[in-house]
Amino acid sequence: MAVLGLQGPLLLTQATVDRYIRLTKPGAYILGRRARYGGGYRAHYVGRSDDDLGDRLSDHVQAREYTYFWAAYMPT
């Protein structure tokens, strides 16, 4: 399901980030996990990158705190 133009939910792994986030551009993202009750996903963190969305998401991959993400490039 697209949320405000964001693509996802996508599994937060380096392979997925590399596959879907190919451009070095600013962007916004949401990080989350699967909901324990009721199905679906739960958003836990909203962030942005002013210059490289993929690089910022890679930081979160290494932290291993979240399992899914939604992301979109933004003009600024």
Protein backbone atom coordinates (compact mmCIF):
# COMPACT_ATOMS: atom_id res chain seq x y z
CA MET A 1 0.00 0.00 0.00
CA ALA A 2 1.37 3.43 -0.92
CA VAL A 3 1.34 5.96 1.89
CA LEU A 4 1.72 9.56 0.67
CA GLY A 5 3.72 8.38 -2.33
CA LEU A 6 6.11 6.25 -0.30
CA GLN A 7 7.06 2.86 -1.68
CA GLY A 8 6.71 -0.06 0.73
CA PRO A 9 6.54 -1.85 3.01
CA LEU A 10 9.88 -3.31 1.98
CA LEU A 11 12.13 -5.57 4.03
CA LEU A 12 14.91 -3.47 5.59
CA THR A 13 17.98 -5.30 4.29
CA GLN A 14 20.97 -3.97 2.38
CA ALA A 15 19.96 -5.97 -0.69
CA THR A 16 16.49 -4.40 -0.69
CA VAL A 17 17.84 -0.87 -0.18
CA ASP A 18 20.32 -1.41 -3.05
CA ARG A 19 17.57 -2.73 -5.31
CA TYR A 20 14.95 -0.02 -4.73
CA ILE A 21 16.96 3.07 -3.70
CA ARG A 22 19.39 3.57 -6.58
CA LEU A 23 19.68 7.34 -6.90
CA THR A 24 21.73 9.65 -4.70
CA LYS A 25 18.92 12.06 -3.88
CA PRO A 26 17.13 13.49 -0.84
CA GLY A 27 14.20 11.55 0.52
CA ALA A 28 11.86 10.67 3.37
CA TYR A 29 11.26 7.31 4.99
CA ILE A 30 9.32 5.44 7.65
CA LEU A 31 10.76 2.52 9.60
CA GLY A 32 8.68 -0.09 11.34
CA ARG A 33 7.94 -3.64 12.31
CA ARG A 34 5.12 -6.13 11.79
CA ALA A 35 2.28 -5.52 14.22
CA ARG A 36 2.02 -8.22 16.87
CA TYR A 37 -1.76 -8.07 16.98
CA GLY A 38 -4.25 -7.39 14.22
CA GLY A 39 -1.83 -7.91 11.32
CA GLY A 40 -0.29 -5.22 9.20
CA TYR A 41 2.65 -3.03 10.09
CA ARG A 42 3.40 -0.48 12.75
CA ALA A 43 5.45 2.66 12.04
CA HIS A 44 8.05 3.43 14.71
CA TYR A 45 10.33 6.06 13.18
CA VAL A 46 10.02 8.77 10.55
CA GLY A 47 13.16 10.25 9.05
CA ARG A 48 14.71 12.05 6.14
CA SER A 49 17.95 12.41 4.27
CA ASP A 50 18.91 15.79 2.85
CA ASP A 51 21.30 14.31 0.30
CA ASP A 52 21.39 10.48 0.03
CA LEU A 53 18.34 8.44 0.97
CA GLY A 54 20.04 5.10 0.32
CA ASP A 55 23.01 5.93 2.53
CA ARG A 56 20.74 6.93 5.41
CA LEU A 57 18.68 3.75 5.10
CA SER A 58 21.91 1.72 5.08
CA ASP A 59 22.72 3.20 8.50
CA HIS A 60 19.43 1.79 9.78
CA VAL A 61 20.10 -1.61 8.18
CA GLN A 62 23.30 -1.88 10.22
CA ALA A 63 21.51 -0.88 13.44
CA ARG A 64 19.06 -3.82 13.02
CA GLU A 65 16.37 -2.10 15.07
CA TYR A 66 13.61 -2.13 12.43
CA THR A 67 12.53 -4.74 9.90
CA TYR A 68 10.51 -2.80 7.27
CA PHE A 69 10.66 0.55 5.54
CA TRP A 70 8.68 2.84 3.25
CA ALA A 71 10.60 5.45 1.25
CA ALA A 72 10.30 8.12 -1.42
CA TYR A 73 12.61 10.58 -3.08
CA MET A 74 11.85 14.25 -2.37
CA PRO A 75 12.89 17.36 -4.27
CA THR A 76 14.49 18.96 -1.19
